[in-house]
Amino acid sequence: MSHDFDPNGVAVLTDHLIDGRRLAGDGAEIALIRPSDGAAIGTIRAADEALVDAAMRSAAKARTSSGWASATPLERARVLKAWADLIDARRTELGRLEAATTTRPVADVLTRDLVRAAGAVRYFAEWADKIEGSLIAGANSGTTFLKPEPYGVIASIAPFNFPAINAIWKSAPALATGNAVVLKPSDLTPSSAVMIAELAIEAGLPAGLFNVVQGAGATGSALVRHPLTGKITFTGSSATGARVMADAAMTGTKPLTLELGGKTPQLVMDDAHDLDALAATIAGGFLANAGQVCTAGTRLIAPRRLLDELTDKIIGLAQARIAGPTWDTRATLPPIISEKQAARIDRMLAETVADGATVLTGGRRCATMNAGAYVEPTVLAGVPDTSVGFREEFFGPVLSVYAYDDEDEALAMANHPSYALAASLYTTSAAKALALPARLNAGTVWVNGHGRQPDFATPQGGFAGSGFGKEMGRAGLEGFLRFKTVWLNHG
């Protein structure tokens, strides 16, 4: 089945959404460029501090006046389930909007992203009436219990790479637990967040409980610093995450959930076999969304005796990818989000090669019929650990390959000095599958697979320079709750 469509027939959304109404605003203009062909498709007016203040006050007022926080959990669940139904019903319209304005191929959006988005809303809807406190044993003269409460207004800042999914992950659990949300999508991919929030209101969510403000870094900073912000959730680079932490402390300390950068290793143990299947998984791990994935498996670490053969198979699969626009279902390599990001990848590749790395395939822009920024799938060998290609994430379709001679060396290579978001481990040994994840410094370890699964109960999140806190699962839900200790003296 083909999902091809004309992107010029898609109405782009660039407005803010406050109190259930679209608002163009009068802030600084930001041009919106379509990634697949470089076409100018609209203009965002960045929210200034006054507009951010209006959005935050609207959210706080709506949360109080609507009774959302004190509503029965079943009522909140009813609204969220209706919201999920609307996402399903409007999937084609929302999917084309997402694909036309982002790097997400339309087939992936329609069959994966939006299916998972609606599923995540239903998952958190089912949690609404299962949020419980606990009774703490104490002296006979008193009773102590923990009471879960919402934070109030959640400031959510989403990245460009999976806009619809991130909008849901940063709003559905917050709303299920009685919070309000003010979401800032990336200024590169602003559209789907507006439609998703409007669908929530159409489903019965009181207007103002889910507001959307558009803008770049200054808008995000104003949102984080706002005194009504109860908690912050941010996904993006580690450098920006550090700035978010600094901003959060400017008006009093605020709790944060941060999912930041990664240099995810794909670690192949010496007992691995079926190299064809292994190569397909590893290739998919660094080529999905043209490598624009926080958990992209960008470092292959394999036994010296297997590395050359395995690398050749991966290169063959990488070279078979077809670069093309997100609205063409024949394309298997989407564009880089912007010319600025593609130039950054070019610069990092040049510096890494100058430091001694060897390009085994790729390393250049793709020749396509479109003006968008497409980067060839690239495999590097001999990347020095002093080079920028080792220290920083390319956030593009780039894989570095490394050989090892013994298991301890392999594990040491897998643990990056800065990042600890995720890791993949491939082994046919049950003993290694159970024992080795404990030696990998990563917030998520996949064994004999790579990438997030369509399992809403599984929390995701990193350690060290890759952030802290979890999204999805029970841990992700509880991240939007604070627990109050109540002590009753019977004496």
Protein backbone atom coordinates (compact mmCIF):
# COMPACT_ATOMS: atom_id res chain seq x y z
CA MET A 1 0.00 0.00 0.00
CA SER A 2 1.38 3.39 -0.97
CA HIS A 3 1.10 6.36 1.35
CA ASP A 4 2.50 8.90 -1.15
CA PHE A 5 0.93 12.36 -1.08
CA ASP A 6 1.49 15.92 -2.26
CA PRO A 7 3.20 17.87 0.54
CA ASN A 8 2.09 21.17 -0.96
CA GLY A 9 -1.49 20.25 -0.13
CA VAL A 10 -0.73 20.02 3.60
CA ALA A 11 -1.73 23.02 5.72
CA VAL A 12 1.25 23.79 7.98
CA LEU A 13 0.52 24.84 11.57
CA THR A 14 2.81 27.47 13.07
CA ASP A 15 0.56 29.16 15.64
CA HIS A 16 0.69 29.07 19.41
CA LEU A 17 -2.25 27.42 21.17
CA ILE A 18 -3.38 29.08 24.40
CA ASP A 19 -6.73 28.59 26.12
CA GLY A 20 -7.79 26.35 23.25
CA ARG A 21 -7.33 29.11 20.66
CA ARG A 22 -4.68 29.52 17.98
CA LEU A 23 -2.63 32.68 18.29
CA ALA A 24 -0.14 33.94 15.72
CA GLY A 25 1.74 36.19 18.12
CA ASP A 26 4.02 39.08 17.22
CA GLY A 27 7.44 37.81 18.30
CA ALA A 28 10.60 37.40 16.26
CA GLU A 29 10.10 35.57 12.97
CA ILE A 30 11.62 32.13 12.41
CA ALA A 31 11.43 30.70 8.89
CA LEU A 32 10.07 27.16 8.69
CA ILE A 33 11.91 25.05 6.10
CA ARG A 34 10.69 21.69 4.84
CA PRO A 35 13.53 19.19 5.39
CA SER A 36 12.87 16.99 2.37
CA ASP A 37 13.28 19.70 -0.27
CA GLY A 38 14.37 22.88 1.48
CA ALA A 39 11.15 24.70 0.59
CA ALA A 40 10.08 27.63 2.77
CA ILE A 41 6.65 26.64 4.07
CA GLY A 42 5.81 29.15 6.79
CA THR A 43 6.93 31.45 9.55
CA ILE A 44 6.87 30.99 13.31
CA ARG A 45 6.51 34.01 15.56
CA ALA A 46 8.56 33.05 18.62
CA ALA A 47 6.83 33.38 21.97
CA ASP A 48 8.44 36.10 24.06
CA GLU A 49 8.40 36.22 27.86
CA ALA A 50 4.99 37.92 27.90
CA LEU A 51 3.40 35.23 25.77
CA VAL A 52 5.07 32.46 27.75
CA ASP A 53 3.71 34.10 30.89
CA ALA A 54 0.22 34.15 29.37
CA ALA A 55 0.48 30.45 28.49
CA MET A 56 1.69 29.51 31.98
CA ARG A 57 -0.99 31.57 33.74
CA SER A 58 -3.62 30.09 31.44
CA ALA A 59 -2.48 26.57 32.34
CA ALA A 60 -2.41 27.26 36.08
CA LYS A 61 -5.85 28.91 35.99
CA ALA A 62 -7.38 26.13 33.87
CA ARG A 63 -6.05 23.49 36.20
CA THR A 64 -7.75 25.18 39.16
CA SER A 65 -10.98 26.37 37.56
CA SER A 66 -11.66 23.16 35.63
CA GLY A 67 -11.16 20.89 38.64
CA TRP A 68 -8.90 18.67 36.54
CA ALA A 69 -6.54 17.89 39.39
CA SER A 70 -9.43 16.99 41.70
CA ALA A 71 -11.49 15.20 39.04
CA THR A 72 -12.05 11.50 39.54
CA PRO A 73 -9.33 9.42 37.93
CA LEU A 74 -11.95 7.69 35.79
CA GLU A 75 -13.02 11.05 34.37
CA ARG A 76 -9.43 11.88 33.42
CA ALA A 77 -9.11 8.41 31.89
CA ARG A 78 -12.30 8.91 29.87
CA VAL A 79 -10.96 12.10 28.31
CA LEU A 80 -7.58 10.54 27.53
CA LYS A 81 -9.16 7.52 25.88
CA ALA A 82 -11.32 9.80 23.72
CA TRP A 83 -8.14 11.68 22.81
CA ALA A 84 -6.48 8.44 21.68
CA ASP A 85 -9.53 7.61 19.59
CA LEU A 86 -9.29 10.98 17.82
CA ILE A 87 -5.59 10.45 17.09
CA ASP A 88 -6.57 7.18 15.45
CA ALA A 89 -9.48 8.72 13.55
CA ARG A 90 -7.37 11.60 12.22
CA ARG A 91 -4.27 9.52 11.60
CA THR A 92 -4.02 10.19 7.88
CA GLU A 93 -4.33 13.97 8.27
CA LEU A 94 -1.98 14.10 11.24
CA GLY A 95 0.44 11.66 9.60
CA ARG A 96 0.75 13.71 6.43
CA LEU A 97 1.29 16.85 8.48
CA GLU A 98 4.02 15.11 10.48
CA ALA A 99 5.72 13.62 7.43
CA ALA A 100 5.58 16.78 5.30
CA THR A 101 7.19 18.97 7.96
CA THR A 102 9.72 16.63 9.59
CA THR A 103 12.25 13.89 8.76
CA ARG A 104 9.79 11.08 9.48
CA PRO A 105 8.82 8.97 6.43
CA VAL A 106 5.07 8.89 5.94
CA ALA A 107 4.81 5.10 6.08
CA ASP A 108 6.66 5.05 9.41
CA VAL A 109 4.47 7.82 10.80
CA LEU A 110 1.22 6.11 9.82
CA THR A 111 2.14 2.57 10.82
CA ARG A 112 4.45 3.23 13.78
CA ASP A 113 4.65 6.72 15.24
CA LEU A 114 0.96 7.56 15.47
CA VAL A 115 -0.06 4.02 16.39
CA ARG A 116 2.38 4.20 19.29
CA ALA A 117 1.28 7.73 20.17
CA ALA A 118 -2.36 6.69 20.52
CA GLY A 119 -1.29 3.56 22.38
CA ALA A 120 0.76 5.60 24.85
CA VAL A 121 -2.23 7.83 25.59
CA ARG A 122 -4.36 4.75 26.30
CA TYR A 123 -1.61 3.28 28.47
CA PHE A 124 -1.48 6.34 30.70
CA ALA A 125 -5.26 6.62 30.71
CA GLU A 126 -5.38 3.15 32.25
CA TRP A 127 -2.94 4.30 34.94
CA ALA A 128 -5.13 7.22 36.04
CA ASP A 129 -7.10 5.23 38.63
CA LYS A 130 -4.13 3.14 39.77
CA ILE A 131 -2.05 5.92 41.32
CA GLU A 132 -1.67 5.00 44.97
CA GLY A 133 0.10 6.22 48.06
CA SER A 134 1.48 4.01 50.82
CA LEU A 135 1.11 3.54 54.57
CA ILE A 136 4.32 3.58 56.56
CA ALA A 137 4.71 1.52 59.70
CA GLY A 138 5.52 3.65 62.74
CA ALA A 139 4.82 4.20 66.40
CA ASN A 140 1.42 3.21 67.79
CA SER A 141 0.73 6.87 68.57
CA GLY A 142 0.72 7.90 64.91
CA THR A 143 -0.04 6.97 61.34
CA THR A 144 2.17 8.04 58.45
CA PHE A 145 1.37 7.80 54.79
CA LEU A 146 2.71 9.04 51.47
CA LYS A 147 0.21 10.93 49.33
CA PRO A 148 0.95 11.40 45.60
CA GLU A 149 0.18 14.85 44.20
CA PRO A 150 0.65 16.51 40.80
CA TYR A 151 3.31 19.21 40.46
CA GLY A 152 0.97 21.73 38.87
CA VAL A 153 2.15 23.06 35.51
CA ILE A 154 4.70 21.02 33.56
CA ALA A 155 7.05 22.83 31.18
CA SER A 156 7.80 20.40 28.35
CA ILE A 157 10.44 20.99 25.67
CA ALA A 158 10.45 18.48 22.83
CA PRO A 159 13.07 17.73 20.14
CA PHE A 160 12.68 17.69 16.37
CA ASN A 161 13.31 14.04 15.62
CA PHE A 162 10.03 12.36 16.67
CA PRO A 163 7.70 15.33 17.21
CA ALA A 164 4.35 13.55 17.56
CA ILE A 165 5.63 10.80 19.85
CA ASN A 166 7.51 13.28 22.03
CA ALA A 167 4.48 15.55 22.31
CA ILE A 168 2.52 12.58 23.67
CA TRP A 169 5.24 11.29 25.99
CA LYS A 170 5.58 14.74 27.53
CA SER A 171 1.86 15.42 27.92
CA ALA A 172 -0.20 12.24 28.37
CA PRO A 173 1.35 11.06 31.69
CA ALA A 174 1.38 14.63 33.00
CA LEU A 175 -2.31 15.08 32.25
CA ALA A 176 -3.21 11.62 33.57
CA THR A 177 -1.72 12.57 36.94
CA GLY A 178 -3.64 15.85 37.19
CA ASN A 179 -1.08 18.33 35.90
CA ALA A 180 -1.40 20.98 33.21
CA VAL A 181 1.15 21.17 30.36
CA VAL A 182 2.78 23.96 28.39
CA LEU A 183 4.69 22.36 25.52
CA LYS A 184 7.34 23.94 23.32
CA PRO A 185 8.01 21.83 20.25
CA SER A 186 11.18 22.31 18.25
CA ASP A 187 11.15 25.41 16.07
CA LEU A 188 12.15 23.05 13.23
CA THR A 189 9.04 20.86 13.64
CA PRO A 190 6.24 22.91 15.21
CA SER A 191 3.12 21.63 13.50
CA SER A 192 2.01 18.28 14.89
CA ALA A 193 2.08 19.48 18.51
CA VAL A 194 -0.62 22.03 17.75
CA MET A 195 -2.91 19.47 16.16
CA ILE A 196 -2.30 16.93 18.94
CA ALA A 197 -3.20 19.50 21.60
CA GLU A 198 -6.33 20.52 19.67
CA LEU A 199 -7.41 16.89 19.47
CA ALA A 200 -7.05 16.63 23.26
CA ILE A 201 -9.35 19.63 23.70
CA GLU A 202 -11.81 18.19 21.18
CA ALA A 203 -11.81 15.01 23.27
CA GLY A 204 -12.96 16.96 26.33
CA LEU A 205 -9.76 18.24 27.94
CA PRO A 206 -10.55 21.67 29.45
CA ALA A 207 -9.08 24.46 27.33
CA GLY A 208 -5.87 25.84 28.81
CA LEU A 209 -4.72 22.57 30.34
CA PHE A 210 -2.57 21.82 27.30
CA ASN A 211 -1.01 24.91 25.76
CA VAL A 212 1.61 25.07 22.99
CA VAL A 213 4.13 27.87 22.54
CA GLN A 214 6.37 28.15 19.52
CA GLY A 215 9.94 29.39 19.47
CA ALA A 216 13.61 28.55 19.82
CA GLY A 217 16.03 28.68 22.74
CA ALA A 218 14.87 31.97 24.24
CA THR A 219 11.29 30.71 24.42
CA GLY A 220 12.41 27.50 26.10
CA SER A 221 14.49 29.46 28.59
CA ALA A 222 11.52 31.67 29.49
CA LEU A 223 9.38 28.58 30.00
CA VAL A 224 11.95 26.91 32.26
CA ARG A 225 12.56 30.06 34.30
CA HIS A 226 8.90 30.87 34.80
CA PRO A 227 7.95 30.87 38.50
CA LEU A 228 4.76 28.87 37.84
CA THR A 229 6.73 25.98 36.34
CA GLY A 230 6.36 23.01 38.69
CA LYS A 231 8.57 20.59 36.78
CA ILE A 232 10.53 20.50 33.52
CA THR A 233 10.88 17.69 31.02
CA PHE A 234 13.41 18.17 28.23
CA THR A 235 14.79 16.02 25.41
CA GLY A 236 17.73 17.30 23.38
CA SER A 237 21.48 17.70 23.37
CA SER A 238 23.61 17.42 26.49
CA ALA A 239 24.88 20.98 26.04
CA THR A 240 21.35 22.38 25.92
CA GLY A 241 20.37 20.16 28.84
CA ALA A 242 23.06 21.80 30.95
CA ARG A 243 21.65 25.23 30.07
CA VAL A 244 18.15 24.02 31.00
CA MET A 245 19.46 22.98 34.42
CA ALA A 246 21.04 26.40 34.93
CA ASP A 247 17.84 28.18 33.87
CA ALA A 248 15.77 25.97 36.17
CA ALA A 249 17.71 27.21 39.17
CA MET A 250 17.24 30.89 38.41
CA THR A 251 13.78 31.17 39.98
CA GLY A 252 14.21 28.50 42.65
CA THR A 253 15.18 24.89 42.18
CA LYS A 254 12.81 22.82 40.04
CA PRO A 255 12.82 19.08 39.37
CA LEU A 256 13.76 17.94 35.88
CA THR A 257 13.61 14.91 33.64
CA LEU A 258 16.34 15.11 30.99
CA GLU A 259 16.94 12.76 28.07
CA LEU A 260 20.13 13.96 26.44
CA GLY A 261 22.72 12.81 23.93
CA GLY A 262 24.13 9.36 23.33
CA LYS A 263 26.93 7.41 21.67
CA THR A 264 25.23 4.05 21.91
CA PRO A 265 27.51 1.02 21.45
CA GLN A 266 26.38 -2.09 19.60
CA LEU A 267 28.55 -4.71 21.28
CA VAL A 268 28.91 -8.07 19.52
CA MET A 269 30.24 -10.92 21.63
CA ASP A 270 32.55 -13.62 20.31
CA ASP A 271 29.82 -16.28 20.35
CA ALA A 272 27.60 -14.38 17.86
CA HIS A 273 26.53 -16.09 14.65
CA ASP A 274 24.08 -15.52 11.77
CA LEU A 275 25.97 -12.45 10.65
CA ASP A 276 23.37 -11.57 8.02
CA ALA A 277 20.65 -11.08 10.62
CA LEU A 278 23.08 -9.34 12.93
CA ALA A 279 24.19 -6.94 10.21
CA ALA A 280 20.57 -6.05 9.42
CA THR A 281 19.86 -5.19 13.06
CA ILE A 282 23.06 -3.16 13.46
CA ALA A 283 22.48 -1.28 10.20
CA GLY A 284 18.95 -0.42 11.25
CA GLY A 285 20.31 0.74 14.58
CA PHE A 286 22.33 3.58 13.07
CA LEU A 287 20.29 4.31 9.92
CA ALA A 288 16.79 4.68 11.36
CA ASN A 289 15.58 8.25 10.78
CA ALA A 290 18.95 8.88 9.08
CA GLY A 291 20.65 8.47 12.46
CA GLN A 292 18.62 11.27 14.05
CA VAL A 293 17.75 9.18 17.10
CA CYS A 294 19.06 9.78 20.62
CA THR A 295 19.71 6.07 21.06
CA ALA A 296 21.15 5.47 17.57
CA GLY A 297 23.68 2.63 17.71
CA THR A 298 26.62 4.56 16.32
CA ARG A 299 29.54 2.49 17.64
CA LEU A 300 30.02 -1.12 16.49
CA ILE A 301 32.39 -3.05 18.77
CA ALA A 302 33.04 -6.58 17.50
CA PRO A 303 35.62 -9.38 17.81
CA ARG A 304 38.58 -8.82 15.52
CA ARG A 305 37.95 -12.12 13.71
CA LEU A 306 34.36 -11.08 12.83
CA LEU A 307 34.66 -7.35 12.32
CA ASP A 308 35.66 -7.22 8.64
CA GLU A 309 33.01 -9.67 7.46
CA LEU A 310 30.32 -8.07 9.58
CA THR A 311 31.30 -4.58 8.47
CA ASP A 312 31.16 -5.59 4.78
CA LYS A 313 27.61 -6.86 5.25
CA ILE A 314 26.58 -3.65 7.02
CA ILE A 315 28.12 -1.54 4.25
CA GLY A 316 26.16 -3.47 1.64
CA LEU A 317 22.91 -2.79 3.48
CA ALA A 318 23.80 0.88 4.00
CA GLN A 319 24.63 1.43 0.33
CA ALA A 320 21.25 -0.03 -0.65
CA ARG A 321 19.37 2.75 1.14
CA ILE A 322 17.52 5.14 -1.17
CA ALA A 323 17.57 8.81 -0.21
CA GLY A 324 14.32 10.61 -0.83
CA PRO A 325 11.56 12.82 0.55
CA THR A 326 9.38 11.76 3.43
CA TRP A 327 6.28 11.64 1.24
CA ASP A 328 7.79 9.02 -1.13
CA THR A 329 7.33 5.51 0.24
CA ARG A 330 10.09 4.19 -2.02
CA ALA A 331 12.68 6.20 -0.09
CA THR A 332 14.51 4.45 2.75
CA LEU A 333 16.85 7.25 3.84
CA PRO A 334 15.12 10.45 4.99
CA PRO A 335 16.73 13.90 5.03
CA ILE A 336 18.75 15.54 7.75
CA ILE A 337 16.55 18.02 9.59
CA SER A 338 18.29 21.17 8.29
CA GLU A 339 21.18 22.42 6.21
CA LYS A 340 22.78 23.70 9.43
CA GLN A 341 22.74 20.21 10.96
CA ALA A 342 24.01 18.61 7.74
CA ALA A 343 26.89 21.12 7.64
CA ARG A 344 27.71 20.18 11.23
CA ILE A 345 27.90 16.50 10.23
CA ASP A 346 30.13 17.41 7.27
CA ARG A 347 32.43 19.37 9.57
CA MET A 348 32.63 16.60 12.15
CA LEU A 349 33.43 14.02 9.46
CA ALA A 350 36.19 16.19 8.01
CA GLU A 351 37.75 16.78 11.43
CA THR A 352 37.52 13.10 12.36
CA VAL A 353 39.18 12.01 9.12
CA ALA A 354 41.88 14.65 9.59
CA ASP A 355 42.55 13.12 13.02
CA GLY A 356 43.21 9.70 11.44
CA ALA A 357 39.87 7.97 10.79
CA THR A 358 39.24 6.11 7.53
CA VAL A 359 35.98 6.34 5.57
CA LEU A 360 34.93 2.84 4.50
CA THR A 361 31.78 4.06 2.75
CA GLY A 362 29.86 7.31 2.41
CA GLY A 363 31.13 10.50 3.97
CA ARG A 364 29.45 12.80 1.45
CA ARG A 365 26.10 14.33 0.56
CA CYS A 366 23.72 12.17 -1.41
CA ALA A 367 22.95 12.97 -5.03
CA THR A 368 19.15 13.34 -5.13
CA MET A 369 16.49 15.14 -7.08
CA ASN A 370 15.59 17.18 -4.01
CA ALA A 371 17.22 20.25 -2.51
CA GLY A 372 16.99 18.88 1.04
CA ALA A 373 20.07 17.88 3.01
CA TYR A 374 20.77 14.17 2.59
CA VAL A 375 23.91 12.52 3.95
CA GLU A 376 25.20 9.20 2.67
CA PRO A 377 25.25 6.32 5.15
CA THR A 378 28.79 6.47 6.44
CA VAL A 379 31.02 3.88 8.09
CA LEU A 380 34.29 4.95 9.73
CA ALA A 381 37.21 2.88 10.98
CA GLY A 382 40.13 3.90 13.17
CA VAL A 383 38.32 6.76 14.92
CA PRO A 384 40.71 8.08 17.58
CA ASP A 385 39.22 8.57 21.03
CA THR A 386 40.60 12.12 20.99
CA SER A 387 38.60 13.08 17.90
CA VAL A 388 35.29 14.92 17.73
CA GLY A 389 33.80 11.84 16.02
CA PHE A 390 34.32 9.90 19.24
CA ARG A 391 33.56 12.65 21.74
CA GLU A 392 30.31 13.94 20.25
CA GLU A 393 27.24 12.47 18.57
CA PHE A 394 26.96 13.05 14.83
CA PHE A 395 23.16 12.80 14.93
CA GLY A 396 23.34 11.53 11.40
CA PRO A 397 23.78 8.19 9.58
CA VAL A 398 27.35 7.56 10.78
CA LEU A 399 28.72 4.33 12.28
CA SER A 400 32.22 3.92 13.75
CA VAL A 401 33.62 0.38 13.91
CA TYR A 402 36.10 -0.98 16.45
CA ALA A 403 37.80 -4.38 16.91
CA TYR A 404 38.53 -5.99 20.25
CA ASP A 405 40.57 -9.00 21.37
CA ASP A 406 39.09 -9.90 24.76
CA GLU A 407 35.85 -9.37 26.67
CA ASP A 408 37.20 -6.93 29.25
CA GLU A 409 38.58 -4.74 26.47
CA ALA A 410 35.21 -4.85 24.71
CA LEU A 411 33.30 -3.74 27.77
CA ALA A 412 35.77 -0.95 28.46
CA MET A 413 35.36 0.28 24.88
CA ALA A 414 31.57 0.13 25.13
CA ASN A 415 31.42 2.45 28.14
CA HIS A 416 31.78 5.97 26.77
CA PRO A 417 33.47 8.56 29.02
CA SER A 418 30.58 11.05 28.68
CA TYR A 419 27.39 9.38 27.46
CA ALA A 420 25.39 6.56 29.02
CA LEU A 421 21.99 6.57 27.33
CA ALA A 422 21.70 3.07 25.88
CA ALA A 423 23.65 0.02 24.72
CA SER A 424 22.99 -3.06 22.62
CA LEU A 425 24.54 -6.43 23.40
CA TYR A 426 24.52 -9.37 20.98
CA THR A 427 25.25 -12.85 22.34
CA THR A 428 23.96 -16.42 22.14
CA SER A 429 25.11 -17.12 25.71
CA ALA A 430 22.38 -16.94 28.34
CA ALA A 431 25.03 -16.39 31.01
CA LYS A 432 26.48 -13.39 29.19
CA ALA A 433 23.01 -12.01 28.42
CA LEU A 434 22.27 -11.97 32.14
CA ALA A 435 25.66 -10.93 33.49
CA LEU A 436 27.11 -8.37 31.09
CA PRO A 437 24.40 -5.66 31.21
CA ALA A 438 25.53 -4.94 34.77
CA ARG A 439 28.94 -3.97 33.37
CA LEU A 440 27.51 -1.60 30.76
CA ASN A 441 27.06 1.98 31.93
CA ALA A 442 23.76 2.76 30.21
CA GLY A 443 20.22 3.60 31.25
CA THR A 444 18.85 1.01 28.80
CA VAL A 445 20.51 -2.19 27.60
CA TRP A 446 18.98 -4.19 24.76
CA VAL A 447 20.12 -7.78 24.42
CA ASN A 448 19.94 -9.27 20.90
CA GLY A 449 18.07 -6.30 19.52
CA HIS A 450 18.25 -2.56 19.18
CA GLY A 451 15.80 0.27 19.70
CA ARG A 452 12.69 1.11 21.63
CA GLN A 453 10.00 -1.48 21.36
CA PRO A 454 6.22 -0.83 21.10
CA ASP A 455 5.98 -1.59 24.82
CA PHE A 456 4.58 1.34 26.78
CA ALA A 457 5.44 -0.22 30.14
CA THR A 458 9.20 -0.03 29.53
CA PRO A 459 10.82 3.14 30.93
CA GLN A 460 13.60 4.84 28.99
CA GLY A 461 16.26 7.25 30.18
CA GLY A 462 19.99 7.69 30.58
CA PHE A 463 22.77 8.12 33.09
CA ALA A 464 25.74 10.52 33.37
CA GLY A 465 25.92 13.01 30.50
CA SER A 466 22.86 11.43 28.91
CA GLY A 467 20.52 12.81 31.57
CA PHE A 468 18.38 11.47 34.37
CA GLY A 469 14.81 10.45 35.04
CA LYS A 470 12.61 8.16 32.97
CA GLU A 471 9.94 8.47 30.34
CA MET A 472 7.20 5.88 29.74
CA GLY A 473 6.23 3.05 32.06
CA ARG A 474 5.29 3.40 35.70
CA ALA A 475 8.54 5.26 36.39
CA GLY A 476 7.65 7.79 33.70
CA LEU A 477 4.20 8.30 35.18
CA GLU A 478 5.54 8.75 38.72
CA GLY A 479 7.97 11.33 37.38
CA PHE A 480 5.00 13.70 37.14
CA LEU A 481 4.05 13.18 40.79
CA ARG A 482 5.52 14.45 44.03
CA PHE A 483 4.96 12.46 47.21
CA LYS A 484 3.85 14.24 50.37
CA THR A 485 4.47 12.68 53.76
CA VAL A 486 1.50 13.03 56.13
CA TRP A 487 1.90 12.11 59.82
CA LEU A 488 -1.16 11.80 62.02
CA ASN A 489 -0.62 11.92 65.75
CA HIS A 490 -3.28 9.93 67.64
CA GLY A 491 -1.74 10.64 71.02
